[in-house]
Amino acid sequence: MDRLRRTMLFVPGGNEKFLTKALGLSVDCLILDLEDSVSLDRKASAREAVTEALKTADFDPKETVVRINPLETEYGKPDIAVVTRGRPDVILLPKVGRPDDVVACDALVTEAEKKEGLLPQTIGLMAMIETPLGVVNIDDIALASPRMKGLVFGAADYTRETRGTITPDRFELHYPMSRILLAARVAGIDAIDTPHFDITDPEGLRRHTQQAKDMGYDGKTVIHPSQVEIVNQIFTPTTDEVAHAKRVIETFEAARKAGKGVTQLDGKLVENVHVEMAERILMIAEKVGLSKQI
């Protein structure tokens, strides 16, 4: 785990008011958007504004991600060339359908890094999976570049292309979500859930976020500041979970010193797999400063 990505907030590129507010929120990542939230007549100015913000604003400790326009548009390649000057942590490529999309983006980022005098692999990549084609090719997409940091699900475009509907239990999204998750795990990168599009529905947001967390997702994209607290809460271990994780590790370590490969805690089996899960909980807790409180 290189970074926490519990919450990834979309911020319209070039909107100074929204960015100022976002910088004060407890989000792990800001996605400075040059695609859907920017009109065609503002693409160039938003690109310059985002680059300037990357150079001058204090994002620490937030991860900076720039969602560029698709490479097949006239805006995608200039987006990479310009925003690289601001040295974002990650470039998010939308509507990825094939591994070749990632390979092409990687090559453009490599070229831009050289031009700006940056070390190789300074900037990471993430792929938005928003189409049936992307889901079908997900395994190769996830492994297409050593820059890859995560796969981000986009349910709106996906549902439009499948001609379906997003329902309260998201049964219709279980297959693509599972495919994305498995591909991410094989590649050793993060899986990020789609936004909850109704900002007036906190209970729906909570239900969908819990569902993603239970599946194994690392975080969720959000589209409004009101969604941040709920998503952060669900993807953060509780104090009870942290305390139990510590007991699991302590119990197993005691058993190991006694020459045992398995043991019990509160009547339940404890072996290596449970220790690994406990260690991940403690790693997340440490990154959010929770472990110091217990």
Protein backbone atom coordinates (compact mmCIF):
# COMPACT_ATOMS: atom_id res chain seq x y z
CA MET A 1 0.00 0.00 0.00
CA ASP A 2 1.76 3.14 -1.19
CA ARG A 3 -1.11 5.51 -0.35
CA LEU A 4 -4.52 5.58 1.22
CA ARG A 5 -7.25 6.14 -1.34
CA ARG A 6 -10.39 5.86 0.78
CA THR A 7 -11.88 9.02 -0.71
CA MET A 8 -11.05 10.46 -4.13
CA LEU A 9 -12.94 13.72 -4.72
CA PHE A 10 -13.59 15.01 -8.22
CA VAL A 11 -12.90 18.76 -8.52
CA PRO A 12 -13.81 20.61 -11.74
CA GLY A 13 -10.59 21.76 -13.38
CA GLY A 14 -10.02 25.49 -13.18
CA ASN A 15 -12.70 26.13 -10.54
CA GLU A 16 -10.69 27.98 -7.89
CA LYS A 17 -13.59 28.18 -5.43
CA PHE A 18 -14.18 24.43 -5.47
CA LEU A 19 -10.47 23.68 -5.22
CA THR A 20 -10.04 25.97 -2.21
CA LYS A 21 -12.87 24.19 -0.42
CA ALA A 22 -11.56 20.76 -1.40
CA LEU A 23 -8.12 21.52 0.01
CA GLY A 24 -9.69 21.88 3.45
CA LEU A 25 -11.50 18.54 3.34
CA SER A 26 -10.29 15.27 4.86
CA VAL A 27 -9.96 13.48 1.55
CA ASP A 28 -7.07 11.24 0.62
CA CYS A 29 -7.00 12.29 -3.02
CA LEU A 30 -8.17 15.13 -5.23
CA ILE A 31 -9.01 14.37 -8.85
CA LEU A 32 -8.58 17.59 -10.80
CA ASP A 33 -10.90 16.98 -13.71
CA LEU A 34 -10.28 18.15 -17.26
CA GLU A 35 -12.86 15.88 -18.86
CA ASP A 36 -16.59 15.75 -18.06
CA SER A 37 -16.82 18.80 -15.79
CA VAL A 38 -15.12 21.14 -18.27
CA SER A 39 -16.92 22.54 -21.31
CA LEU A 40 -15.21 22.40 -24.71
CA ASP A 41 -14.59 26.13 -24.80
CA ARG A 42 -12.74 25.99 -21.46
CA LYS A 43 -10.53 22.95 -22.05
CA ALA A 44 -7.34 24.92 -22.66
CA SER A 45 -7.84 27.43 -19.84
CA ALA A 46 -8.77 24.67 -17.37
CA ARG A 47 -5.62 22.76 -18.34
CA GLU A 48 -3.45 25.79 -17.59
CA ALA A 49 -5.31 26.53 -14.34
CA VAL A 50 -4.89 22.97 -13.08
CA THR A 51 -1.18 23.05 -13.90
CA GLU A 52 -0.75 26.34 -12.05
CA ALA A 53 -2.64 24.96 -9.05
CA LEU A 54 -0.39 21.91 -8.97
CA LYS A 55 2.62 24.22 -8.85
CA THR A 56 1.36 26.65 -6.22
CA ALA A 57 -1.33 25.11 -3.97
CA ASP A 58 -0.50 23.12 -0.85
CA PHE A 59 -1.99 19.68 -1.50
CA ASP A 60 0.05 17.84 1.14
CA PRO A 61 -0.77 15.16 2.25
CA LYS A 62 -3.43 14.70 -0.44
CA GLU A 63 -2.58 12.75 -3.57
CA THR A 64 -2.96 14.79 -6.75
CA VAL A 65 -4.63 13.10 -9.70
CA VAL A 66 -5.49 14.77 -13.00
CA ARG A 67 -8.22 13.22 -15.11
CA ILE A 68 -7.27 14.09 -18.67
CA ASN A 69 -9.45 13.88 -21.75
CA PRO A 70 -9.41 10.68 -23.83
CA LEU A 71 -6.35 10.41 -26.05
CA GLU A 72 -8.48 10.06 -29.18
CA THR A 73 -9.78 13.59 -28.66
CA GLU A 74 -7.81 16.70 -29.58
CA TYR A 75 -7.41 17.51 -25.89
CA GLY A 76 -5.85 14.37 -24.43
CA LYS A 77 -2.25 14.68 -25.63
CA PRO A 78 -1.96 18.42 -24.80
CA ASP A 79 -3.39 17.64 -21.36
CA ILE A 80 -0.47 15.31 -20.65
CA ALA A 81 2.15 17.66 -22.07
CA VAL A 82 0.95 20.62 -20.02
CA VAL A 83 -0.06 19.12 -16.66
CA THR A 84 3.22 17.21 -16.41
CA ARG A 85 4.80 20.63 -15.70
CA GLY A 86 2.83 20.63 -12.44
CA ARG A 87 4.10 17.15 -11.53
CA PRO A 88 0.84 15.48 -10.48
CA ASP A 89 1.13 12.22 -8.60
CA VAL A 90 -1.13 10.39 -11.05
CA ILE A 91 -2.77 10.87 -14.42
CA LEU A 92 -6.21 9.29 -14.67
CA LEU A 93 -7.06 8.08 -18.17
CA PRO A 94 -10.82 7.92 -18.84
CA LYS A 95 -12.79 5.38 -20.86
CA VAL A 96 -9.99 2.82 -21.11
CA GLY A 97 -11.10 -0.04 -23.31
CA ARG A 98 -7.88 -1.78 -24.27
CA PRO A 99 -4.38 -2.21 -22.84
CA ASP A 100 -3.07 -0.26 -25.85
CA ASP A 101 -4.78 2.84 -24.40
CA VAL A 102 -2.62 2.55 -21.29
CA VAL A 103 0.54 1.80 -23.27
CA ALA A 104 -0.03 4.89 -25.43
CA CYS A 105 -0.61 7.06 -22.38
CA ASP A 106 2.50 5.66 -20.69
CA ALA A 107 4.60 6.57 -23.74
CA LEU A 108 3.27 10.14 -23.76
CA VAL A 109 3.93 10.55 -20.03
CA THR A 110 7.45 9.17 -20.47
CA GLU A 111 8.10 11.73 -23.21
CA ALA A 112 6.68 14.56 -21.08
CA GLU A 113 8.76 13.53 -18.05
CA LYS A 114 11.93 13.66 -20.11
CA LYS A 115 11.03 17.09 -21.46
CA GLU A 116 10.39 18.43 -17.96
CA GLY A 117 13.53 16.87 -16.51
CA LEU A 118 11.64 14.52 -14.20
CA LEU A 119 12.90 11.13 -13.13
CA PRO A 120 11.37 8.17 -14.97
CA GLN A 121 8.19 6.81 -13.40
CA THR A 122 7.64 10.03 -11.41
CA ILE A 123 4.00 10.15 -12.48
CA GLY A 124 1.69 7.19 -11.99
CA LEU A 125 -1.32 6.13 -14.02
CA MET A 126 -4.84 5.04 -13.20
CA ALA A 127 -7.41 3.72 -15.65
CA MET A 128 -11.12 4.47 -15.56
CA ILE A 129 -13.15 1.43 -16.54
CA GLU A 130 -16.42 2.78 -17.90
CA THR A 131 -17.38 0.48 -20.75
CA PRO A 132 -18.14 -3.20 -21.39
CA LEU A 133 -15.01 -3.27 -23.57
CA GLY A 134 -12.92 -2.15 -20.61
CA VAL A 135 -14.40 -4.86 -18.40
CA VAL A 136 -13.78 -7.55 -21.03
CA ASN A 137 -10.12 -6.47 -21.32
CA ILE A 138 -9.62 -5.64 -17.66
CA ASP A 139 -6.89 -8.18 -16.90
CA ASP A 140 -4.57 -6.92 -19.64
CA ILE A 141 -5.39 -3.28 -18.81
CA ALA A 142 -4.39 -3.74 -15.18
CA LEU A 143 -1.01 -5.16 -16.19
CA ALA A 144 -0.36 -2.83 -19.13
CA SER A 145 2.10 -0.47 -17.42
CA PRO A 146 4.41 -0.43 -14.39
CA ARG A 147 3.02 3.06 -13.72
CA MET A 148 -0.42 1.67 -12.90
CA LYS A 149 -1.67 2.58 -9.42
CA GLY A 150 -5.33 1.69 -9.64
CA LEU A 151 -8.50 0.89 -11.55
CA VAL A 152 -11.41 3.28 -11.11
CA PHE A 153 -14.92 2.09 -11.93
CA GLY A 154 -17.26 4.48 -13.73
CA ALA A 155 -20.78 3.12 -13.49
CA ALA A 156 -22.63 5.90 -15.32
CA ASP A 157 -21.12 5.31 -18.76
CA TYR A 158 -20.98 1.58 -18.17
CA THR A 159 -24.70 1.43 -17.39
CA ARG A 160 -25.54 3.60 -20.38
CA GLU A 161 -23.66 1.22 -22.67
CA THR A 162 -25.23 -1.90 -21.16
CA ARG A 163 -28.67 -0.19 -21.33
CA GLY A 164 -29.23 -1.05 -17.69
CA THR A 165 -30.19 0.83 -14.54
CA ILE A 166 -28.30 1.34 -11.30
CA THR A 167 -30.51 -0.22 -8.63
CA PRO A 168 -30.36 0.17 -4.82
CA ASP A 169 -28.60 -3.18 -4.32
CA ARG A 170 -26.38 -2.74 -7.44
CA PHE A 171 -26.90 -6.35 -8.43
CA GLU A 172 -26.38 -5.35 -12.07
CA LEU A 173 -22.90 -4.00 -11.21
CA HIS A 174 -21.67 -7.01 -9.26
CA TYR A 175 -19.98 -8.63 -12.28
CA PRO A 176 -17.93 -5.62 -13.47
CA MET A 177 -17.06 -4.70 -9.90
CA SER A 178 -15.81 -8.23 -9.27
CA ARG A 179 -13.78 -8.30 -12.48
CA ILE A 180 -12.19 -4.95 -11.70
CA LEU A 181 -11.35 -6.02 -8.16
CA LEU A 182 -9.77 -9.31 -9.21
CA ALA A 183 -7.69 -7.67 -11.94
CA ALA A 184 -6.47 -5.05 -9.49
CA ARG A 185 -5.45 -7.69 -6.96
CA VAL A 186 -3.57 -9.71 -9.59
CA ALA A 187 -1.72 -6.55 -10.66
CA GLY A 188 -1.08 -5.44 -7.08
CA ILE A 189 -2.89 -2.12 -7.51
CA ASP A 190 -5.94 -0.44 -5.97
CA ALA A 191 -9.58 -0.87 -6.92
CA ILE A 192 -11.72 2.25 -6.54
CA ASP A 193 -15.52 2.21 -6.61
CA THR A 194 -17.73 4.46 -8.74
CA PRO A 195 -19.33 7.59 -7.29
CA HIS A 196 -22.79 7.57 -5.74
CA PHE A 197 -24.52 10.02 -8.03
CA ASP A 198 -27.37 11.14 -5.75
CA ILE A 199 -25.86 13.63 -3.31
CA THR A 200 -29.19 13.84 -1.44
CA ASP A 201 -29.12 10.13 -0.55
CA PRO A 202 -26.66 9.54 2.31
CA GLU A 203 -28.16 6.15 3.17
CA GLY A 204 -27.72 4.94 -0.38
CA LEU A 205 -24.15 6.20 -0.31
CA ARG A 206 -23.55 4.34 2.93
CA ARG A 207 -25.06 1.14 1.57
CA HIS A 208 -23.06 1.22 -1.66
CA THR A 209 -19.82 2.14 0.10
CA GLN A 210 -20.20 -0.69 2.60
CA GLN A 211 -20.89 -3.05 -0.28
CA ALA A 212 -17.68 -1.99 -2.02
CA LYS A 213 -15.68 -2.27 1.19
CA ASP A 214 -17.07 -5.75 1.89
CA MET A 215 -16.07 -6.82 -1.63
CA GLY A 216 -12.50 -5.69 -0.95
CA TYR A 217 -12.34 -2.30 -2.65
CA ASP A 218 -9.79 0.21 -1.39
CA GLY A 219 -11.88 3.33 -1.71
CA LYS A 220 -14.54 5.25 -3.58
CA THR A 221 -14.69 8.32 -5.76
CA VAL A 222 -16.96 11.08 -4.45
CA ILE A 223 -18.53 14.04 -6.24
CA HIS A 224 -19.57 16.28 -3.34
CA PRO A 225 -18.02 17.33 0.00
CA SER A 226 -21.07 15.99 1.86
CA GLN A 227 -20.11 12.45 0.83
CA VAL A 228 -16.59 12.52 2.26
CA GLU A 229 -17.30 11.76 5.92
CA ILE A 230 -19.45 8.69 5.23
CA VAL A 231 -16.95 7.15 2.80
CA ASN A 232 -13.98 7.86 5.05
CA GLN A 233 -15.78 6.34 8.00
CA ILE A 234 -16.58 3.10 6.23
CA PHE A 235 -13.09 2.63 4.79
CA THR A 236 -11.42 3.40 8.15
CA PRO A 237 -11.06 0.60 10.74
CA THR A 238 -12.97 1.11 13.96
CA THR A 239 -11.13 1.24 17.28
CA ASP A 240 -12.53 -2.21 18.06
CA GLU A 241 -11.19 -3.58 14.77
CA VAL A 242 -7.76 -2.11 15.43
CA ALA A 243 -7.67 -3.50 18.97
CA HIS A 244 -8.72 -6.94 17.72
CA ALA A 245 -6.09 -6.86 14.95
CA LYS A 246 -3.40 -6.20 17.55
CA ARG A 247 -4.64 -9.13 19.64
CA VAL A 248 -4.60 -11.42 16.58
CA ILE A 249 -0.96 -10.57 15.87
CA GLU A 250 0.08 -10.86 19.52
CA THR A 251 -1.71 -14.21 19.93
CA PHE A 252 -0.22 -15.65 16.76
CA GLU A 253 3.27 -14.44 17.65
CA ALA A 254 3.01 -16.14 21.04
CA ALA A 255 1.89 -19.36 19.37
CA ARG A 256 4.69 -19.15 16.82
CA LYS A 257 7.29 -18.81 19.56
CA ALA A 258 5.79 -21.91 21.14
CA GLY A 259 6.32 -23.81 17.87
CA LYS A 260 2.70 -23.69 16.70
CA GLY A 261 1.51 -22.74 13.24
CA VAL A 262 -2.08 -22.10 14.26
CA THR A 263 -3.83 -20.98 17.42
CA GLN A 264 -7.17 -19.69 18.70
CA LEU A 265 -8.49 -16.34 19.82
CA ASP A 266 -11.94 -16.03 21.38
CA GLY A 267 -12.73 -19.51 20.12
CA LYS A 268 -11.79 -18.74 16.50
CA LEU A 269 -8.91 -20.13 14.46
CA VAL A 270 -5.93 -17.83 13.88
CA GLU A 271 -3.36 -18.61 11.21
CA ASN A 272 -1.21 -16.76 8.68
CA VAL A 273 -4.12 -15.48 6.60
CA HIS A 274 -5.71 -13.84 9.63
CA VAL A 275 -2.40 -12.23 10.57
CA GLU A 276 -2.06 -10.73 7.08
CA MET A 277 -5.57 -9.29 7.31
CA ALA A 278 -4.82 -7.89 10.76
CA GLU A 279 -1.59 -6.32 9.52
CA ARG A 280 -3.46 -4.52 6.75
CA ILE A 281 -5.96 -3.11 9.26
CA LEU A 282 -3.08 -1.81 11.38
CA MET A 283 -1.37 -0.34 8.32
CA ILE A 284 -4.50 1.66 7.44
CA ALA A 285 -4.94 2.68 11.08
CA GLU A 286 -1.38 3.92 11.23
CA LYS A 287 -1.77 6.02 8.08
CA VAL A 288 -4.82 7.79 9.51
CA GLY A 289 -3.26 8.14 12.97
CA LEU A 290 -5.76 5.81 14.62
CA SER A 291 -3.29 3.26 15.97
CA LYS A 292 -1.74 5.86 18.30
CA GLN A 293 -5.07 6.30 20.03
CA ILE A 294 -5.36 2.65 21.09
